[in-house]
Amino acid sequence: MLRRRTNTYPAVIRKSLPDEVIPGLYIGGTESAAHLPALLHRKIKVIVQLVVESEQHFPDQFDYLTYKISDHPTSVRTAHVPASLVALT
């Protein structure tokens, strides 16, 4: 049986779309944060960035929580998670 495609985005764009982790919470890379149609479609309001260098693509349309971190295997990323979750509630 063939499955009907429900996603109308081309495969190249789909790779950069944010994925829903739990209802209303999405995760994605830098490309996801720069894909305005996808952000608007998902009704995203806050973008949390764990980045070496920050680029806020749409500062007039979204709130940003930016945590500058080292891109090193030993850097502690989980230290920012609780503050981010509190800010999102």
N, C-alpha and C. Protein backbone atom coordinates (compact mmCIF):
# COMPACT_ATOMS: atom_id res chain seq x y z
N MET A 1 0.84 -1.17 0.00
CA MET A 1 0.00 0.00 0.00
C MET A 1 0.89 1.24 0.00
N LEU A 2 0.57 2.18 -0.85
CA LEU A 2 1.33 3.42 -0.90
C LEU A 2 0.79 4.40 0.12
N ARG A 3 1.70 5.07 0.80
CA ARG A 3 1.32 6.11 1.75
C ARG A 3 1.29 7.45 1.03
N ARG A 4 0.31 8.23 1.34
CA ARG A 4 0.22 9.55 0.76
C ARG A 4 1.09 10.52 1.55
N ARG A 5 1.85 11.32 0.84
CA ARG A 5 2.71 12.31 1.51
C ARG A 5 1.86 13.40 2.12
N THR A 6 2.11 13.65 3.40
CA THR A 6 1.36 14.72 4.06
C THR A 6 2.17 16.00 4.12
N ASN A 7 3.46 15.91 3.92
CA ASN A 7 4.32 17.09 3.99
C ASN A 7 4.55 17.59 2.57
N THR A 8 4.20 18.83 2.31
CA THR A 8 4.33 19.36 0.96
C THR A 8 5.65 20.07 0.69
N TYR A 9 6.53 20.15 1.70
CA TYR A 9 7.83 20.78 1.51
C TYR A 9 8.75 19.83 0.75
N PRO A 10 9.58 20.34 -0.17
CA PRO A 10 10.57 19.49 -0.82
C PRO A 10 11.54 18.90 0.20
N ALA A 11 12.14 17.79 -0.11
CA ALA A 11 13.03 17.07 0.82
C ALA A 11 14.15 17.95 1.34
N VAL A 12 14.72 18.80 0.51
CA VAL A 12 15.83 19.65 0.95
C VAL A 12 15.38 20.60 2.04
N ILE A 13 14.20 21.18 1.90
CA ILE A 13 13.69 22.11 2.90
C ILE A 13 13.27 21.36 4.15
N ARG A 14 12.66 20.19 4.01
CA ARG A 14 12.20 19.41 5.17
C ARG A 14 13.33 19.15 6.15
N LYS A 15 14.56 18.98 5.66
CA LYS A 15 15.69 18.72 6.55
C LYS A 15 15.95 19.88 7.49
N SER A 16 15.55 21.09 7.10
CA SER A 16 15.84 22.26 7.93
C SER A 16 14.65 22.70 8.78
N LEU A 17 13.55 21.96 8.75
CA LEU A 17 12.38 22.34 9.51
C LEU A 17 12.51 21.88 10.96
N PRO A 18 11.93 22.64 11.89
CA PRO A 18 11.97 22.21 13.29
C PRO A 18 11.08 20.98 13.50
N ASP A 19 11.49 20.09 14.39
CA ASP A 19 10.74 18.89 14.71
C ASP A 19 10.05 19.07 16.06
N GLU A 20 8.80 18.64 16.16
CA GLU A 20 8.06 18.76 17.41
C GLU A 20 8.48 17.64 18.35
N VAL A 21 8.98 18.02 19.52
CA VAL A 21 9.45 17.07 20.53
C VAL A 21 8.27 16.63 21.40
N ILE A 22 7.56 17.60 21.92
CA ILE A 22 6.30 17.40 22.64
C ILE A 22 5.37 18.49 22.12
N PRO A 23 4.07 18.37 22.33
CA PRO A 23 3.18 19.39 21.79
C PRO A 23 3.60 20.81 22.17
N GLY A 24 3.86 21.61 21.14
CA GLY A 24 4.22 23.00 21.33
C GLY A 24 5.70 23.28 21.55
N LEU A 25 6.54 22.23 21.61
CA LEU A 25 7.98 22.41 21.81
C LEU A 25 8.72 21.78 20.62
N TYR A 26 9.50 22.60 19.94
CA TYR A 26 10.20 22.16 18.73
C TYR A 26 11.70 22.25 18.93
N ILE A 27 12.42 21.42 18.17
CA ILE A 27 13.88 21.47 18.18
C ILE A 27 14.35 21.51 16.73
N GLY A 28 15.41 22.27 16.52
CA GLY A 28 15.94 22.36 15.17
C GLY A 28 17.29 23.05 15.18
N GLY A 29 17.90 23.07 14.04
CA GLY A 29 19.21 23.69 13.92
C GLY A 29 19.11 25.14 13.48
N THR A 30 20.24 25.67 13.11
CA THR A 30 20.33 27.06 12.68
C THR A 30 19.41 27.32 11.48
N GLU A 31 19.33 26.35 10.57
CA GLU A 31 18.48 26.52 9.40
C GLU A 31 17.01 26.63 9.81
N SER A 32 16.62 25.89 10.83
CA SER A 32 15.24 25.94 11.31
C SER A 32 14.89 27.33 11.82
N ALA A 33 15.80 27.93 12.54
CA ALA A 33 15.56 29.26 13.12
C ALA A 33 15.51 30.35 12.07
N ALA A 34 15.95 30.04 10.86
CA ALA A 34 15.96 31.01 9.77
C ALA A 34 14.84 30.76 8.76
N HIS A 35 13.99 29.78 9.01
CA HIS A 35 12.93 29.41 8.07
C HIS A 35 11.61 30.01 8.54
N LEU A 36 11.37 31.27 8.16
CA LEU A 36 10.22 32.02 8.65
C LEU A 36 8.88 31.33 8.39
N PRO A 37 8.60 30.82 7.19
CA PRO A 37 7.30 30.19 6.97
C PRO A 37 7.04 29.02 7.93
N ALA A 38 8.06 28.23 8.20
CA ALA A 38 7.90 27.09 9.11
C ALA A 38 7.67 27.56 10.54
N LEU A 39 8.37 28.60 10.97
CA LEU A 39 8.19 29.13 12.32
C LEU A 39 6.78 29.69 12.51
N LEU A 40 6.31 30.42 11.53
CA LEU A 40 4.97 31.00 11.60
C LEU A 40 3.89 29.92 11.56
N HIS A 41 4.07 28.93 10.69
CA HIS A 41 3.11 27.84 10.56
C HIS A 41 2.96 27.07 11.87
N ARG A 42 4.05 26.91 12.60
CA ARG A 42 4.03 26.17 13.86
C ARG A 42 3.68 27.06 15.06
N LYS A 43 3.44 28.34 14.79
CA LYS A 43 3.07 29.31 15.83
C LYS A 43 4.14 29.42 16.93
N ILE A 44 5.39 29.34 16.51
CA ILE A 44 6.51 29.47 17.44
C ILE A 44 6.61 30.93 17.86
N LYS A 45 6.82 31.14 19.15
CA LYS A 45 6.88 32.50 19.69
C LYS A 45 8.25 32.84 20.27
N VAL A 46 8.97 31.82 20.77
CA VAL A 46 10.27 32.02 21.41
C VAL A 46 11.28 31.08 20.76
N ILE A 47 12.45 31.61 20.46
CA ILE A 47 13.53 30.80 19.91
C ILE A 47 14.66 30.78 20.92
N VAL A 48 15.02 29.58 21.37
CA VAL A 48 16.13 29.40 22.31
C VAL A 48 17.34 28.98 21.48
N GLN A 49 18.42 29.72 21.64
CA GLN A 49 19.63 29.44 20.88
C GLN A 49 20.77 29.05 21.81
N LEU A 50 21.39 27.92 21.52
CA LEU A 50 22.65 27.53 22.17
C LEU A 50 23.69 27.62 21.06
N VAL A 51 24.44 28.71 21.05
CA VAL A 51 25.27 29.01 19.88
C VAL A 51 26.64 29.55 20.27
N VAL A 52 27.55 29.43 19.33
CA VAL A 52 28.86 30.05 19.47
C VAL A 52 28.73 31.52 19.06
N GLU A 53 28.09 31.75 17.93
CA GLU A 53 27.82 33.11 17.46
C GLU A 53 26.33 33.23 17.20
N SER A 54 25.74 34.30 17.68
CA SER A 54 24.30 34.48 17.60
C SER A 54 23.89 35.28 16.37
N GLU A 55 22.84 34.81 15.72
CA GLU A 55 22.22 35.58 14.66
C GLU A 55 20.71 35.47 14.86
N GLN A 56 20.08 36.58 15.16
CA GLN A 56 18.64 36.62 15.34
C GLN A 56 18.04 37.09 14.02
N HIS A 57 17.48 36.16 13.29
CA HIS A 57 16.98 36.45 11.94
C HIS A 57 15.74 37.33 11.94
N PHE A 58 14.87 37.18 12.94
CA PHE A 58 13.59 37.88 12.95
C PHE A 58 13.31 38.49 14.33
N PRO A 59 14.14 39.43 14.77
CA PRO A 59 13.99 39.96 16.13
C PRO A 59 12.68 40.70 16.37
N ASP A 60 12.03 41.18 15.33
CA ASP A 60 10.76 41.88 15.50
C ASP A 60 9.57 40.92 15.58
N GLN A 61 9.80 39.65 15.25
CA GLN A 61 8.70 38.69 15.21
C GLN A 61 8.75 37.63 16.31
N PHE A 62 9.92 37.43 16.92
CA PHE A 62 10.07 36.37 17.92
C PHE A 62 10.88 36.89 19.11
N ASP A 63 10.64 36.29 20.26
CA ASP A 63 11.51 36.52 21.42
C ASP A 63 12.65 35.53 21.31
N TYR A 64 13.84 35.96 21.70
CA TYR A 64 15.03 35.11 21.64
C TYR A 64 15.63 34.95 23.03
N LEU A 65 15.98 33.73 23.38
CA LEU A 65 16.80 33.44 24.56
C LEU A 65 18.09 32.87 24.00
N THR A 66 19.16 33.62 24.13
CA THR A 66 20.43 33.22 23.51
C THR A 66 21.45 32.90 24.58
N TYR A 67 22.02 31.71 24.49
CA TYR A 67 23.08 31.26 25.40
C TYR A 67 24.31 30.99 24.55
N LYS A 68 25.34 31.80 24.75
CA LYS A 68 26.59 31.60 24.01
C LYS A 68 27.38 30.49 24.70
N ILE A 69 27.67 29.47 23.94
CA ILE A 69 28.39 28.32 24.49
C ILE A 69 29.56 27.96 23.58
N SER A 70 30.46 27.23 24.14
CA SER A 70 31.60 26.73 23.38
C SER A 70 31.15 25.53 22.55
N ASP A 71 31.66 25.43 21.36
CA ASP A 71 31.36 24.26 20.53
C ASP A 71 32.45 23.22 20.77
N HIS A 72 32.44 22.70 21.98
CA HIS A 72 33.45 21.74 22.40
C HIS A 72 32.73 20.58 23.08
N PRO A 73 33.19 19.35 22.88
CA PRO A 73 32.49 18.19 23.46
C PRO A 73 32.31 18.25 24.98
N THR A 74 33.16 18.98 25.68
CA THR A 74 33.05 19.02 27.14
C THR A 74 32.23 20.20 27.66
N SER A 75 31.75 21.06 26.76
CA SER A 75 30.98 22.21 27.24
C SER A 75 29.66 21.73 27.83
N VAL A 76 29.23 22.40 28.89
CA VAL A 76 28.03 22.00 29.62
C VAL A 76 26.83 22.75 29.05
N ARG A 77 26.03 22.05 28.26
CA ARG A 77 24.85 22.67 27.65
C ARG A 77 23.62 22.52 28.52
N THR A 78 23.58 21.52 29.34
CA THR A 78 22.39 21.28 30.15
C THR A 78 22.19 22.34 31.23
N ALA A 79 23.20 23.10 31.55
CA ALA A 79 23.07 24.14 32.57
C ALA A 79 22.06 25.21 32.15
N HIS A 80 21.84 25.37 30.84
CA HIS A 80 20.93 26.39 30.34
C HIS A 80 19.49 25.91 30.22
N VAL A 81 19.28 24.62 30.27
CA VAL A 81 17.95 24.06 30.03
C VAL A 81 16.92 24.53 31.06
N PRO A 82 17.16 24.43 32.37
CA PRO A 82 16.12 24.85 33.32
C PRO A 82 15.69 26.31 33.16
N ALA A 83 16.63 27.22 32.97
CA ALA A 83 16.29 28.63 32.79
C ALA A 83 15.44 28.83 31.54
N SER A 84 15.76 28.09 30.49
CA SER A 84 15.00 28.20 29.25
C SER A 84 13.57 27.71 29.44
N LEU A 85 13.40 26.61 30.14
CA LEU A 85 12.07 26.06 30.34
C LEU A 85 11.22 26.99 31.19
N VAL A 86 11.81 27.61 32.19
CA VAL A 86 11.07 28.55 33.03
C VAL A 86 10.64 29.74 32.17
N ALA A 87 11.51 30.22 31.30
CA ALA A 87 11.20 31.37 30.47
C ALA A 87 10.09 31.05 29.47
N LEU A 88 9.95 29.80 29.09
CA LEU A 88 8.95 29.42 28.09
C LEU A 88 7.57 29.20 28.68
N THR A 89 7.48 29.07 29.99
CA THR A 89 6.17 28.81 30.61
C THR A 89 5.43 30.08 30.92
